[in-house]
Amino acid sequence: AYHGGADDRPTEWLSAWQLYNPGAAAFHGTLYFHTDDGGRLEHPVIVAPGRVTRVTGDAVPGLPMGRPFVVQAVADRPFAAHAWLRARA
């Protein structure tokens, strides 16, 4: 994925990840952002039962702008994850 943009590129990337909790109790999870230089950022999330929580790239301090990264979602209960990437020029 990408997030953000740069003055020397015509495209801005908007990233978001949605986590759905189908269970009867809240879950504690973490989004891990693995950067192309070997770094890793962590963003904790708590999702109430029967709810969806959306995390945007702007909510993750230190997320690299205009560089590729991989996102991994982990939690202590079953969940569904959805990622989307929107580009605009």
PDB file of N, CA and C in Angstrom:
ATOM      1  N   ALA A   1       0.840  -1.183   0.000  1.00  0.00           N
ATOM      2  CA  ALA A   1       0.000   0.000   0.000  1.00  0.00           C
ATOM      3  C   ALA A   1       0.878   1.236   0.000  1.00  0.00           C
ATOM      4  N   TYR A   2       0.257   2.347  -0.253  1.00  0.00           N
ATOM      5  CA  TYR A   2       0.882   3.661  -0.136  1.00  0.00           C
ATOM      6  C   TYR A   2      -0.064   4.556   0.655  1.00  0.00           C
ATOM      7  N   HIS A   3       0.460   5.649   1.196  1.00  0.00           N
ATOM      8  CA  HIS A   3      -0.391   6.660   1.809  1.00  0.00           C
ATOM      9  C   HIS A   3       0.284   8.005   1.626  1.00  0.00           C
ATOM     10  N   GLY A   4      -0.494   9.022   1.348  1.00  0.00           N
ATOM     11  CA  GLY A   4       0.039  10.369   1.200  1.00  0.00           C
ATOM     12  C   GLY A   4       0.529  10.644  -0.201  1.00  0.00           C
ATOM     13  N   GLY A   5       1.340  11.643  -0.318  1.00  0.00           N
ATOM     14  CA  GLY A   5       1.855  12.031  -1.613  1.00  0.00           C
ATOM     15  C   GLY A   5       3.122  12.843  -1.452  1.00  0.00           C
ATOM     16  N   ALA A   6       3.597  13.353  -2.557  1.00  0.00           N
ATOM     17  CA  ALA A   6       4.795  14.185  -2.566  1.00  0.00           C
ATOM     18  C   ALA A   6       4.620  15.254  -3.626  1.00  0.00           C
ATOM     19  N   ASP A   7       5.302  16.373  -3.456  1.00  0.00           N
ATOM     20  CA  ASP A   7       5.171  17.474  -4.404  1.00  0.00           C
ATOM     21  C   ASP A   7       5.646  17.109  -5.806  1.00  0.00           C
ATOM     22  N   ASP A   8       6.548  16.140  -5.903  1.00  0.00           N
ATOM     23  CA  ASP A   8       7.079  15.773  -7.218  1.00  0.00           C
ATOM     24  C   ASP A   8       6.309  14.630  -7.882  1.00  0.00           C
ATOM     25  N   ARG A   9       5.163  14.223  -7.300  1.00  0.00           N
ATOM     26  CA  ARG A   9       4.351  13.147  -7.876  1.00  0.00           C
ATOM     27  C   ARG A   9       2.920  13.646  -8.059  1.00  0.00           C
ATOM     28  N   PRO A  10       2.274  13.249  -9.151  1.00  0.00           N
ATOM     29  CA  PRO A  10       0.933  13.760  -9.430  1.00  0.00           C
ATOM     30  C   PRO A  10      -0.197  13.034  -8.695  1.00  0.00           C
ATOM     31  N   THR A  11       0.130  12.009  -7.916  1.00  0.00           N
ATOM     32  CA  THR A  11      -0.905  11.188  -7.295  1.00  0.00           C
ATOM     33  C   THR A  11      -0.820  11.257  -5.773  1.00  0.00           C
ATOM     34  N   GLU A  12      -1.981  11.377  -5.127  1.00  0.00           N
ATOM     35  CA  GLU A  12      -2.054  11.293  -3.674  1.00  0.00           C
ATOM     36  C   GLU A  12      -2.818  10.021  -3.313  1.00  0.00           C
ATOM     37  N   TRP A  13      -2.286   9.242  -2.386  1.00  0.00           N
ATOM     38  CA  TRP A  13      -2.885   7.984  -1.977  1.00  0.00           C
ATOM     39  C   TRP A  13      -3.601   8.161  -0.648  1.00  0.00           C
ATOM     40  N   LEU A  14      -4.835   7.680  -0.575  1.00  0.00           N
ATOM     41  CA  LEU A  14      -5.620   7.691   0.664  1.00  0.00           C
ATOM     42  C   LEU A  14      -5.889   6.243   1.057  1.00  0.00           C
ATOM     43  N   SER A  15      -5.384   5.839   2.211  1.00  0.00           N
ATOM     44  CA  SER A  15      -5.496   4.450   2.653  1.00  0.00           C
ATOM     45  C   SER A  15      -6.363   4.344   3.892  1.00  0.00           C
ATOM     46  N   ALA A  16      -7.088   3.239   4.006  1.00  0.00           N
ATOM     47  CA  ALA A  16      -7.868   2.975   5.220  1.00  0.00           C
ATOM     48  C   ALA A  16      -8.054   1.475   5.386  1.00  0.00           C
ATOM     49  N   TRP A  17      -8.247   1.072   6.635  1.00  0.00           N
ATOM     50  CA  TRP A  17      -8.451  -0.338   6.972  1.00  0.00           C
ATOM     51  C   TRP A  17      -9.645  -0.401   7.896  1.00  0.00           C
ATOM     52  N   GLN A  18     -10.571  -1.298   7.597  1.00  0.00           N
ATOM     53  CA  GLN A  18     -11.783  -1.463   8.389  1.00  0.00           C
ATOM     54  C   GLN A  18     -11.748  -2.838   9.030  1.00  0.00           C
ATOM     55  N   LEU A  19     -11.992  -2.875  10.321  1.00  0.00           N
ATOM     56  CA  LEU A  19     -12.003  -4.129  11.067  1.00  0.00           C
ATOM     57  C   LEU A  19     -13.406  -4.331  11.620  1.00  0.00           C
ATOM     58  N   TYR A  20     -13.980  -5.496  11.331  1.00  0.00           N
ATOM     59  CA  TYR A  20     -15.332  -5.817  11.781  1.00  0.00           C
ATOM     60  C   TYR A  20     -15.266  -6.903  12.843  1.00  0.00           C
ATOM     61  N   ASN A  21     -16.004  -6.697  13.915  1.00  0.00           N
ATOM     62  CA  ASN A  21     -16.066  -7.663  15.000  1.00  0.00           C
ATOM     63  C   ASN A  21     -17.423  -8.355  14.985  1.00  0.00           C
ATOM     64  N   PRO A  22     -17.491  -9.606  14.520  1.00  0.00           N
ATOM     65  CA  PRO A  22     -18.770 -10.321  14.502  1.00  0.00           C
ATOM     66  C   PRO A  22     -19.123 -10.965  15.846  1.00  0.00           C
ATOM     67  N   GLY A  23     -18.208 -10.895  16.800  1.00  0.00           N
ATOM     68  CA  GLY A  23     -18.398 -11.593  18.067  1.00  0.00           C
ATOM     69  C   GLY A  23     -19.260 -10.855  19.077  1.00  0.00           C
ATOM     70  N   ALA A  24     -19.410 -11.483  20.254  1.00  0.00           N
ATOM     71  CA  ALA A  24     -20.243 -10.936  21.327  1.00  0.00           C
ATOM     72  C   ALA A  24     -19.441 -10.136  22.348  1.00  0.00           C
ATOM     73  N   ALA A  25     -18.117 -10.083  22.188  1.00  0.00           N
ATOM     74  CA  ALA A  25     -17.262  -9.314  23.102  1.00  0.00           C
ATOM     75  C   ALA A  25     -16.278  -8.482  22.281  1.00  0.00           C
ATOM     76  N   ALA A  26     -15.810  -7.407  22.869  1.00  0.00           N
ATOM     77  CA  ALA A  26     -14.834  -6.542  22.187  1.00  0.00           C
ATOM     78  C   ALA A  26     -13.544  -7.315  21.922  1.00  0.00           C
ATOM     79  N   PHE A  27     -12.837  -6.927  20.880  1.00  0.00           N
ATOM     80  CA  PHE A  27     -11.518  -7.509  20.669  1.00  0.00           C
ATOM     81  C   PHE A  27     -10.449  -6.432  20.668  1.00  0.00           C
ATOM     82  N   HIS A  28      -9.266  -6.849  21.106  1.00  0.00           N
ATOM     83  CA  HIS A  28      -8.088  -5.993  21.090  1.00  0.00           C
ATOM     84  C   HIS A  28      -7.210  -6.483  19.948  1.00  0.00           C
ATOM     85  N   GLY A  29      -6.877  -5.569  19.067  1.00  0.00           N
ATOM     86  CA  GLY A  29      -6.065  -5.943  17.919  1.00  0.00           C
ATOM     87  C   GLY A  29      -4.956  -4.937  17.678  1.00  0.00           C
ATOM     88  N   THR A  30      -4.130  -5.251  16.708  1.00  0.00           N
ATOM     89  CA  THR A  30      -3.024  -4.379  16.329  1.00  0.00           C
ATOM     90  C   THR A  30      -2.879  -4.403  14.826  1.00  0.00           C
ATOM     91  N   LEU A  31      -2.721  -3.236  14.243  1.00  0.00           N
ATOM     92  CA  LEU A  31      -2.318  -3.134  12.849  1.00  0.00           C
ATOM     93  C   LEU A  31      -0.813  -2.929  12.844  1.00  0.00           C
ATOM     94  N   TYR A  32      -0.110  -3.795  12.133  1.00  0.00           N
ATOM     95  CA  TYR A  32       1.346  -3.674  11.984  1.00  0.00           C
ATOM     96  C   TYR A  32       1.624  -3.153  10.579  1.00  0.00           C
ATOM     97  N   PHE A  33       2.438  -2.128  10.493  1.00  0.00           N
ATOM     98  CA  PHE A  33       2.817  -1.536   9.219  1.00  0.00           C
ATOM     99  C   PHE A  33       4.292  -1.825   9.000  1.00  0.00           C
ATOM    100  N   HIS A  34       4.591  -2.701   8.051  1.00  0.00           N
ATOM    101  CA  HIS A  34       5.959  -3.092   7.735  1.00  0.00           C
ATOM    102  C   HIS A  34       6.443  -2.235   6.567  1.00  0.00           C
ATOM    103  N   THR A  35       7.487  -1.437   6.798  1.00  0.00           N
ATOM    104  CA  THR A  35       7.982  -0.522   5.773  1.00  0.00           C
ATOM    105  C   THR A  35       9.048  -1.182   4.909  1.00  0.00           C
ATOM    106  N   ASP A  36       9.290  -0.584   3.750  1.00  0.00           N
ATOM    107  CA  ASP A  36      10.232  -1.176   2.803  1.00  0.00           C
ATOM    108  C   ASP A  36      11.687  -1.097   3.260  1.00  0.00           C
ATOM    109  N   ASP A  37      11.965  -0.359   4.329  1.00  0.00           N
ATOM    110  CA  ASP A  37      13.333  -0.297   4.846  1.00  0.00           C
ATOM    111  C   ASP A  37      13.523  -1.214   6.059  1.00  0.00           C
ATOM    112  N   GLY A  38      12.547  -2.115   6.305  1.00  0.00           N
ATOM    113  CA  GLY A  38      12.648  -3.075   7.397  1.00  0.00           C
ATOM    114  C   GLY A  38      12.044  -2.596   8.718  1.00  0.00           C
ATOM    115  N   GLY A  39      11.504  -1.393   8.738  1.00  0.00           N
ATOM    116  CA  GLY A  39      10.894  -0.873   9.959  1.00  0.00           C
ATOM    117  C   GLY A  39       9.492  -1.430  10.180  1.00  0.00           C
ATOM    118  N   ARG A  40       8.984  -1.224  11.390  1.00  0.00           N
ATOM    119  CA  ARG A  40       7.624  -1.682  11.707  1.00  0.00           C
ATOM    120  C   ARG A  40       6.983  -0.700  12.676  1.00  0.00           C
ATOM    121  N   LEU A  41       5.769  -0.277  12.334  1.00  0.00           N
ATOM    122  CA  LEU A  41       4.962   0.562  13.215  1.00  0.00           C
ATOM    123  C   LEU A  41       3.806  -0.274  13.738  1.00  0.00           C
ATOM    124  N   GLU A  42       3.339   0.040  14.940  1.00  0.00           N
ATOM    125  CA  GLU A  42       2.197  -0.661  15.530  1.00  0.00           C
ATOM    126  C   GLU A  42       1.102   0.356  15.831  1.00  0.00           C
ATOM    127  N   HIS A  43      -0.143  -0.031  15.538  1.00  0.00           N
ATOM    128  CA  HIS A  43      -1.290   0.823  15.851  1.00  0.00           C
ATOM    129  C   HIS A  43      -2.354  -0.047  16.521  1.00  0.00           C
ATOM    130  N   PRO A  44      -2.551   0.099  17.851  1.00  0.00           N
ATOM    131  CA  PRO A  44      -3.544  -0.721  18.554  1.00  0.00           C
ATOM    132  C   PRO A  44      -4.973  -0.285  18.234  1.00  0.00           C
ATOM    133  N   VAL A  45      -5.882  -1.246  18.211  1.00  0.00           N
ATOM    134  CA  VAL A  45      -7.301  -0.961  17.997  1.00  0.00           C
ATOM    135  C   VAL A  45      -8.137  -1.823  18.940  1.00  0.00           C
ATOM    136  N   ILE A  46      -9.261  -1.285  19.364  1.00  0.00           N
ATOM    137  CA  ILE A  46     -10.255  -2.044  20.123  1.00  0.00           C
ATOM    138  C   ILE A  46     -11.555  -1.900  19.349  1.00  0.00           C
ATOM    139  N   VAL A  47     -12.193  -3.033  19.052  1.00  0.00           N
ATOM    140  CA  VAL A  47     -13.434  -3.002  18.280  1.00  0.00           C
ATOM    141  C   VAL A  47     -14.551  -3.632  19.113  1.00  0.00           C
ATOM    142  N   ALA A  48     -15.607  -2.871  19.325  1.00  0.00           N
ATOM    143  CA  ALA A  48     -16.751  -3.334  20.100  1.00  0.00           C
ATOM    144  C   ALA A  48     -17.485  -4.447  19.348  1.00  0.00           C
ATOM    145  N   PRO A  49     -18.246  -5.277  20.053  1.00  0.00           N
ATOM    146  CA  PRO A  49     -18.973  -6.359  19.398  1.00  0.00           C
ATOM    147  C   PRO A  49     -19.987  -5.841  18.378  1.00  0.00           C
ATOM    148  N   GLY A  50     -20.028  -6.493  17.225  1.00  0.00           N
ATOM    149  CA  GLY A  50     -20.977  -6.122  16.182  1.00  0.00           C
ATOM    150  C   GLY A  50     -20.680  -4.796  15.509  1.00  0.00           C
ATOM    151  N   ARG A  51     -19.491  -4.264  15.673  1.00  0.00           N
ATOM    152  CA  ARG A  51     -19.145  -2.946  15.144  1.00  0.00           C
ATOM    153  C   ARG A  51     -17.980  -3.025  14.151  1.00  0.00           C
ATOM    154  N   VAL A  52     -17.843  -1.937  13.396  1.00  0.00           N
ATOM    155  CA  VAL A  52     -16.730  -1.762  12.470  1.00  0.00           C
ATOM    156  C   VAL A  52     -15.929  -0.558  12.943  1.00  0.00           C
ATOM    157  N   THR A  53     -14.617  -0.702  12.962  1.00  0.00           N
ATOM    158  CA  THR A  53     -13.723   0.417  13.265  1.00  0.00           C
ATOM    159  C   THR A  53     -12.879   0.670  12.044  1.00  0.00           C
ATOM    160  N   ARG A  54     -12.795   1.942  11.643  1.00  0.00           N
ATOM    161  CA  ARG A  54     -11.989   2.315  10.486  1.00  0.00           C
ATOM    162  C   ARG A  54     -10.764   3.080  10.959  1.00  0.00           C
ATOM    163  N   VAL A  55      -9.613   2.698  10.439  1.00  0.00           N
ATOM    164  CA  VAL A  55      -8.361   3.385  10.724  1.00  0.00           C
ATOM    165  C   VAL A  55      -7.850   3.937   9.401  1.00  0.00           C
ATOM    166  N   THR A  56      -7.606   5.232   9.340  1.00  0.00           N
ATOM    167  CA  THR A  56      -7.048   5.827   8.129  1.00  0.00           C
ATOM    168  C   THR A  56      -5.542   6.006   8.295  1.00  0.00           C
ATOM    169  N   GLY A  57      -4.849   6.137   7.189  1.00  0.00           N
ATOM    170  CA  GLY A  57      -3.415   6.345   7.241  1.00  0.00           C
ATOM    171  C   GLY A  57      -3.030   7.584   8.014  1.00  0.00           C
ATOM    172  N   ASP A  58      -3.885   8.597   8.016  1.00  0.00           N
ATOM    173  CA  ASP A  58      -3.604   9.827   8.765  1.00  0.00           C
ATOM    174  C   ASP A  58      -3.596   9.602  10.273  1.00  0.00           C
ATOM    175  N   ALA A  59      -4.227   8.528  10.741  1.00  0.00           N
ATOM    176  CA  ALA A  59      -4.318   8.249  12.174  1.00  0.00           C
ATOM    177  C   ALA A  59      -3.113   7.469  12.702  1.00  0.00           C
ATOM    178  N   VAL A  60      -2.183   7.115  11.817  1.00  0.00           N
ATOM    179  CA  VAL A  60      -1.029   6.303  12.206  1.00  0.00           C
ATOM    180  C   VAL A  60       0.223   7.181  12.197  1.00  0.00           C
ATOM    181  N   PRO A  61       0.658   7.666  13.364  1.00  0.00           N
ATOM    182  CA  PRO A  61       1.846   8.520  13.411  1.00  0.00           C
ATOM    183  C   PRO A  61       3.082   7.789  12.879  1.00  0.00           C
ATOM    184  N   GLY A  62       3.830   8.463  12.042  1.00  0.00           N
ATOM    185  CA  GLY A  62       5.066   7.892  11.517  1.00  0.00           C
ATOM    186  C   GLY A  62       4.925   7.064  10.254  1.00  0.00           C
ATOM    187  N   LEU A  63       3.676   6.897   9.769  1.00  0.00           N
ATOM    188  CA  LEU A  63       3.494   6.123   8.541  1.00  0.00           C
ATOM    189  C   LEU A  63       4.223   6.830   7.401  1.00  0.00           C
ATOM    190  N   PRO A  64       5.052   6.118   6.652  1.00  0.00           N
ATOM    191  CA  PRO A  64       5.821   6.791   5.604  1.00  0.00           C
ATOM    192  C   PRO A  64       4.921   7.299   4.482  1.00  0.00           C
ATOM    193  N   MET A  65       5.152   8.522   4.058  1.00  0.00           N
ATOM    194  CA  MET A  65       4.374   9.117   2.985  1.00  0.00           C
ATOM    195  C   MET A  65       5.013   8.807   1.632  1.00  0.00           C
ATOM    196  N   GLY A  66       4.203   8.322   0.710  1.00  0.00           N
ATOM    197  CA  GLY A  66       4.669   8.093  -0.645  1.00  0.00           C
ATOM    198  C   GLY A  66       5.636   6.943  -0.799  1.00  0.00           C
ATOM    199  N   ARG A  67       5.724   6.055   0.193  1.00  0.00           N
ATOM    200  CA  ARG A  67       6.594   4.874   0.106  1.00  0.00           C
ATOM    201  C   ARG A  67       5.751   3.636   0.371  1.00  0.00           C
ATOM    202  N   PRO A  68       6.116   2.507  -0.230  1.00  0.00           N
ATOM    203  CA  PRO A  68       5.309   1.298  -0.031  1.00  0.00           C
ATOM    204  C   PRO A  68       5.454   0.725   1.389  1.00  0.00           C
ATOM    205  N   PHE A  69       4.394   0.061   1.833  1.00  0.00           N
ATOM    206  CA  PHE A  69       4.417  -0.660   3.107  1.00  0.00           C
ATOM    207  C   PHE A  69       3.386  -1.779   3.034  1.00  0.00           C
ATOM    208  N   VAL A  70       3.502  -2.723   3.947  1.00  0.00           N
ATOM    209  CA  VAL A  70       2.578  -3.856   4.043  1.00  0.00           C
ATOM    210  C   VAL A  70       1.866  -3.752   5.381  1.00  0.00           C
ATOM    211  N   VAL A  71       0.568  -4.045   5.394  1.00  0.00           N
ATOM    212  CA  VAL A  71      -0.213  -3.978   6.629  1.00  0.00           C
ATOM    213  C   VAL A  71      -0.625  -5.382   7.044  1.00  0.00           C
ATOM    214  N   GLN A  72      -0.463  -5.659   8.331  1.00  0.00           N
ATOM    215  CA  GLN A  72      -0.861  -6.941   8.906  1.00  0.00           C
ATOM    216  C   GLN A  72      -1.796  -6.641  10.072  1.00  0.00           C
ATOM    217  N   ALA A  73      -2.951  -7.298  10.114  1.00  0.00           N
ATOM    218  CA  ALA A  73      -3.914  -7.100  11.203  1.00  0.00           C
ATOM    219  C   ALA A  73      -3.966  -8.373  12.047  1.00  0.00           C
ATOM    220  N   VAL A  74      -3.841  -8.209  13.373  1.00  0.00           N
ATOM    221  CA  VAL A  74      -3.907  -9.340  14.292  1.00  0.00           C
ATOM    222  C   VAL A  74      -4.818  -8.976  15.461  1.00  0.00           C
ATOM    223  N   ALA A  75      -5.511  -9.972  16.010  1.00  0.00           N
ATOM    224  CA  ALA A  75      -6.395  -9.720  17.151  1.00  0.00           C
ATOM    225  C   ALA A  75      -6.492 -10.973  18.009  1.00  0.00           C
ATOM    226  N   ASP A  76      -7.049 -10.793  19.205  1.00  0.00           N
ATOM    227  CA  ASP A  76      -7.196 -11.913  20.135  1.00  0.00           C
ATOM    228  C   ASP A  76      -8.499 -12.689  19.930  1.00  0.00           C
ATOM    229  N   ARG A  77      -9.296 -12.300  18.933  1.00  0.00           N
ATOM    230  CA  ARG A  77     -10.552 -12.997  18.586  1.00  0.00           C
ATOM    231  C   ARG A  77     -10.717 -12.978  17.071  1.00  0.00           C
ATOM    232  N   PRO A  78     -11.591 -13.816  16.526  1.00  0.00           N
ATOM    233  CA  PRO A  78     -11.850 -13.766  15.082  1.00  0.00           C
ATOM    234  C   PRO A  78     -12.435 -12.413  14.663  1.00  0.00           C
ATOM    235  N   PHE A  79     -12.056 -11.957  13.482  1.00  0.00           N
ATOM    236  CA  PHE A  79     -12.537 -10.678  12.953  1.00  0.00           C
ATOM    237  C   PHE A  79     -12.437 -10.715  11.439  1.00  0.00           C
ATOM    238  N   ALA A  80     -13.031  -9.728  10.815  1.00  0.00           N
ATOM    239  CA  ALA A  80     -12.918  -9.573   9.361  1.00  0.00           C
ATOM    240  C   ALA A  80     -12.229  -8.244   9.093  1.00  0.00           C
ATOM    241  N   ALA A  81     -11.342  -8.239   8.110  1.00  0.00           N
ATOM    242  CA  ALA A  81     -10.602  -7.018   7.776  1.00  0.00           C
ATOM    243  C   ALA A  81     -10.837  -6.666   6.313  1.00  0.00           C
ATOM    244  N   HIS A  82     -10.881  -5.372   6.052  1.00  0.00           N
ATOM    245  CA  HIS A  82     -11.059  -4.871   4.702  1.00  0.00           C
ATOM    246  C   HIS A  82     -10.116  -3.691   4.524  1.00  0.00           C
ATOM    247  N   ALA A  83      -9.337  -3.719   3.482  1.00  0.00           N
ATOM    248  CA  ALA A  83      -8.430  -2.605   3.194  1.00  0.00           C
ATOM    249  C   ALA A  83      -8.856  -1.932   1.906  1.00  0.00           C
ATOM    250  N   TRP A  84      -8.716  -0.619   1.859  1.00  0.00           N
ATOM    251  CA  TRP A  84      -8.986   0.080   0.595  1.00  0.00           C
ATOM    252  C   TRP A  84      -7.946   1.163   0.398  1.00  0.00           C
ATOM    253  N   LEU A  85      -7.706   1.397  -0.847  1.00  0.00           N
ATOM    254  CA  LEU A  85      -6.725   2.391  -1.268  1.00  0.00           C
ATOM    255  C   LEU A  85      -7.349   3.223  -2.366  1.00  0.00           C
ATOM    256  N   ARG A  86      -7.369   4.503  -2.156  1.00  0.00           N
ATOM    257  CA  ARG A  86      -7.965   5.410  -3.148  1.00  0.00           C
ATOM    258  C   ARG A  86      -6.862   6.342  -3.634  1.00  0.00           C
ATOM    259  N   ALA A  87      -6.791   6.525  -4.932  1.00  0.00           N
ATOM    260  CA  ALA A  87      -5.797   7.432  -5.499  1.00  0.00           C
ATOM    261  C   ALA A  87      -6.508   8.580  -6.189  1.00  0.00           C
ATOM    262  N   ARG A  88      -5.930   9.754  -6.067  1.00  0.00           N
ATOM    263  CA  ARG A  88      -6.473  10.894  -6.795  1.00  0.00           C
ATOM    264  C   ARG A  88      -5.309  11.721  -7.355  1.00  0.00           C
ATOM    265  N   ALA A  89      -5.570  12.275  -8.501  1.00  0.00           N
ATOM    266  CA  ALA A  89      -4.508  13.040  -9.163  1.00  0.00           C
ATOM    267  C   ALA A  89      -4.903  14.499  -9.237  1.00  0.00           C
TER     268      ALA A  89
END
